[in-house]
C-alpha atoms as a PDB file:
ATOM      1  CA  UNK A   1      -0.159  29.409  15.727  1.00  0.00           C
ATOM      2  CA  UNK A   2      -1.362  26.225  17.398  1.00  0.00           C
ATOM      3  CA  UNK A   3       0.780  24.368  19.909  1.00  0.00           C
ATOM      4  CA  UNK A   4       0.849  21.382  17.566  1.00  0.00           C
ATOM      5  CA  UNK A   5       2.372  23.403  14.710  1.00  0.00           C
ATOM      6  CA  UNK A   6       4.735  25.240  17.067  1.00  0.00           C
ATOM      7  CA  UNK A   7       5.982  21.907  18.457  1.00  0.00           C
ATOM      8  CA  UNK A   8       6.449  20.454  14.953  1.00  0.00           C
ATOM      9  CA  UNK A   9       8.470  23.474  13.863  1.00  0.00           C
ATOM     10  CA  UNK A  10      10.588  23.365  17.017  1.00  0.00           C
ATOM     11  CA  UNK A  11      11.374  19.662  16.556  1.00  0.00           C
ATOM     12  CA  UNK A  12      12.198  20.193  12.882  1.00  0.00           C
ATOM     13  CA  UNK A  13      14.535  23.055  13.757  1.00  0.00           C
ATOM     14  CA  UNK A  14      16.262  21.120  16.551  1.00  0.00           C
ATOM     15  CA  UNK A  15      16.805  18.081  14.326  1.00  0.00           C
ATOM     16  CA  UNK A  16      18.292  20.170  11.520  1.00  0.00           C
ATOM     17  CA  UNK A  17      15.365  19.433   9.252  1.00  0.00           C
ATOM     18  CA  UNK A  18      14.699  22.533   7.167  1.00  0.00           C
ATOM     19  CA  UNK A  19      11.404  21.186   5.867  1.00  0.00           C
ATOM     20  CA  UNK A  20       8.895  23.555   7.438  1.00  0.00           C
ATOM     21  CA  UNK A  21       5.904  22.048   5.697  1.00  0.00           C
ATOM     22  CA  UNK A  22       3.398  21.126   8.377  1.00  0.00           C
ATOM     23  CA  UNK A  23       0.516  18.853   7.704  1.00  0.00           C
ATOM     24  CA  UNK A  24      -2.673  18.965   9.684  1.00  0.00           C
ATOM     25  CA  UNK A  25      -2.833  16.995  12.881  1.00  0.00           C
ATOM     26  CA  UNK A  26      -4.143  13.511  12.063  1.00  0.00           C
ATOM     27  CA  UNK A  27      -7.673  12.770  13.166  1.00  0.00           C
ATOM     28  CA  UNK A  28      -7.729  10.548  16.184  1.00  0.00           C
ATOM     29  CA  UNK A  29     -10.078   7.611  16.376  1.00  0.00           C
ATOM     30  CA  UNK A  30     -11.716   7.409  19.792  1.00  0.00           C
ATOM     31  CA  UNK A  31     -10.207   4.685  21.963  1.00  0.00           C
ATOM     32  CA  UNK A  32     -12.588   2.003  23.121  1.00  0.00           C
ATOM     33  CA  UNK A  33     -11.550   0.005  26.167  1.00  0.00           C
ATOM     34  CA  UNK A  34     -12.460  -3.191  24.283  1.00  0.00           C
ATOM     35  CA  UNK A  35      -9.686  -2.312  21.796  1.00  0.00           C
ATOM     36  CA  UNK A  36      -7.203  -2.391  24.659  1.00  0.00           C
ATOM     37  CA  UNK A  37      -4.612  -5.148  24.480  1.00  0.00           C
ATOM     38  CA  UNK A  38      -4.038  -7.574  27.332  1.00  0.00           C
ATOM     39  CA  UNK A  39      -0.615  -6.854  28.784  1.00  0.00           C
ATOM     40  CA  UNK A  40      -0.389  -9.875  31.088  1.00  0.00           C
ATOM     41  CA  UNK A  41      -1.668 -13.417  31.390  1.00  0.00           C
ATOM     42  CA  UNK A  42      -2.207 -16.254  28.996  1.00  0.00           C
ATOM     43  CA  UNK A  43      -4.063 -13.986  26.567  1.00  0.00           C
ATOM     44  CA  UNK A  44      -1.307 -11.374  26.450  1.00  0.00           C
ATOM     45  CA  UNK A  45      -1.370  -9.480  23.148  1.00  0.00           C
ATOM     46  CA  UNK A  46      -5.068 -10.100  22.440  1.00  0.00           C
ATOM     47  CA  UNK A  47      -7.671  -7.355  22.333  1.00  0.00           C
ATOM     48  CA  UNK A  48      -9.960  -7.437  25.340  1.00  0.00           C
ATOM     49  CA  UNK A  49     -12.871  -8.121  22.987  1.00  0.00           C
ATOM     50  CA  UNK A  50     -11.055 -11.258  21.695  1.00  0.00           C
ATOM     51  CA  UNK A  51     -10.445 -12.828  25.110  1.00  0.00           C
ATOM     52  CA  UNK A  52     -12.694 -15.840  25.882  1.00  0.00           C
ATOM     53  CA  UNK A  53     -15.655 -15.057  28.113  1.00  0.00           C
ATOM     54  CA  UNK A  54     -14.580 -17.670  30.665  1.00  0.00           C
ATOM     55  CA  UNK A  55     -11.301 -15.802  31.175  1.00  0.00           C
ATOM     56  CA  UNK A  56     -13.097 -12.457  31.447  1.00  0.00           C
ATOM     57  CA  UNK A  57     -15.417 -13.938  34.068  1.00  0.00           C
ATOM     58  CA  UNK A  58     -12.387 -15.250  35.957  1.00  0.00           C
ATOM     59  CA  UNK A  59     -10.739 -11.817  35.778  1.00  0.00           C
ATOM     60  CA  UNK A  60     -13.810 -10.170  37.311  1.00  0.00           C
ATOM     61  CA  UNK A  61     -13.831 -12.603  40.225  1.00  0.00           C
ATOM     62  CA  UNK A  62     -10.114 -12.931  40.912  1.00  0.00           C
ATOM     63  CA  UNK A  63      -8.331  -9.742  39.870  1.00  0.00           C
ATOM     64  CA  UNK A  64      -8.236  -6.269  41.347  1.00  0.00           C
ATOM     65  CA  UNK A  65      -8.659  -3.701  38.592  1.00  0.00           C
ATOM     66  CA  UNK A  66      -9.922  -0.157  38.034  1.00  0.00           C
ATOM     67  CA  UNK A  67     -13.681   0.335  37.952  1.00  0.00           C
ATOM     68  CA  UNK A  68     -13.698   1.445  34.282  1.00  0.00           C
ATOM     69  CA  UNK A  69     -12.028  -1.827  33.275  1.00  0.00           C
ATOM     70  CA  UNK A  70     -14.470  -3.905  35.323  1.00  0.00           C
ATOM     71  CA  UNK A  71     -17.354  -2.057  33.677  1.00  0.00           C
ATOM     72  CA  UNK A  72     -15.890  -2.665  30.206  1.00  0.00           C
ATOM     73  CA  UNK A  73     -15.581  -6.386  30.910  1.00  0.00           C
ATOM     74  CA  UNK A  74     -19.148  -6.489  32.209  1.00  0.00           C
ATOM     75  CA  UNK A  75     -20.300  -4.789  28.984  1.00  0.00           C
ATOM     76  CA  UNK A  76     -18.498  -7.395  26.883  1.00  0.00           C
ATOM     77  CA  UNK A  77     -20.113 -10.208  28.873  1.00  0.00           C
ATOM     78  CA  UNK A  78     -23.673  -8.877  28.353  1.00  0.00           C
END
């Protein structure tokens, strides 16, 4: 029995839910950094790919950020 199914059954049992029907684990769509949502700043709530290039350029110059994020921004600006 997979861990996913075992966890689903355990949660169902603990919640009093007697429905033991387990569906397959949903397929996950790969996350792309450009799908990430801005969490701060004047473009908060926008996808990184929707942020104006001038702001992305400013971010690269002025903000400290992880290398993978810098590389994603550079890819968007190409």
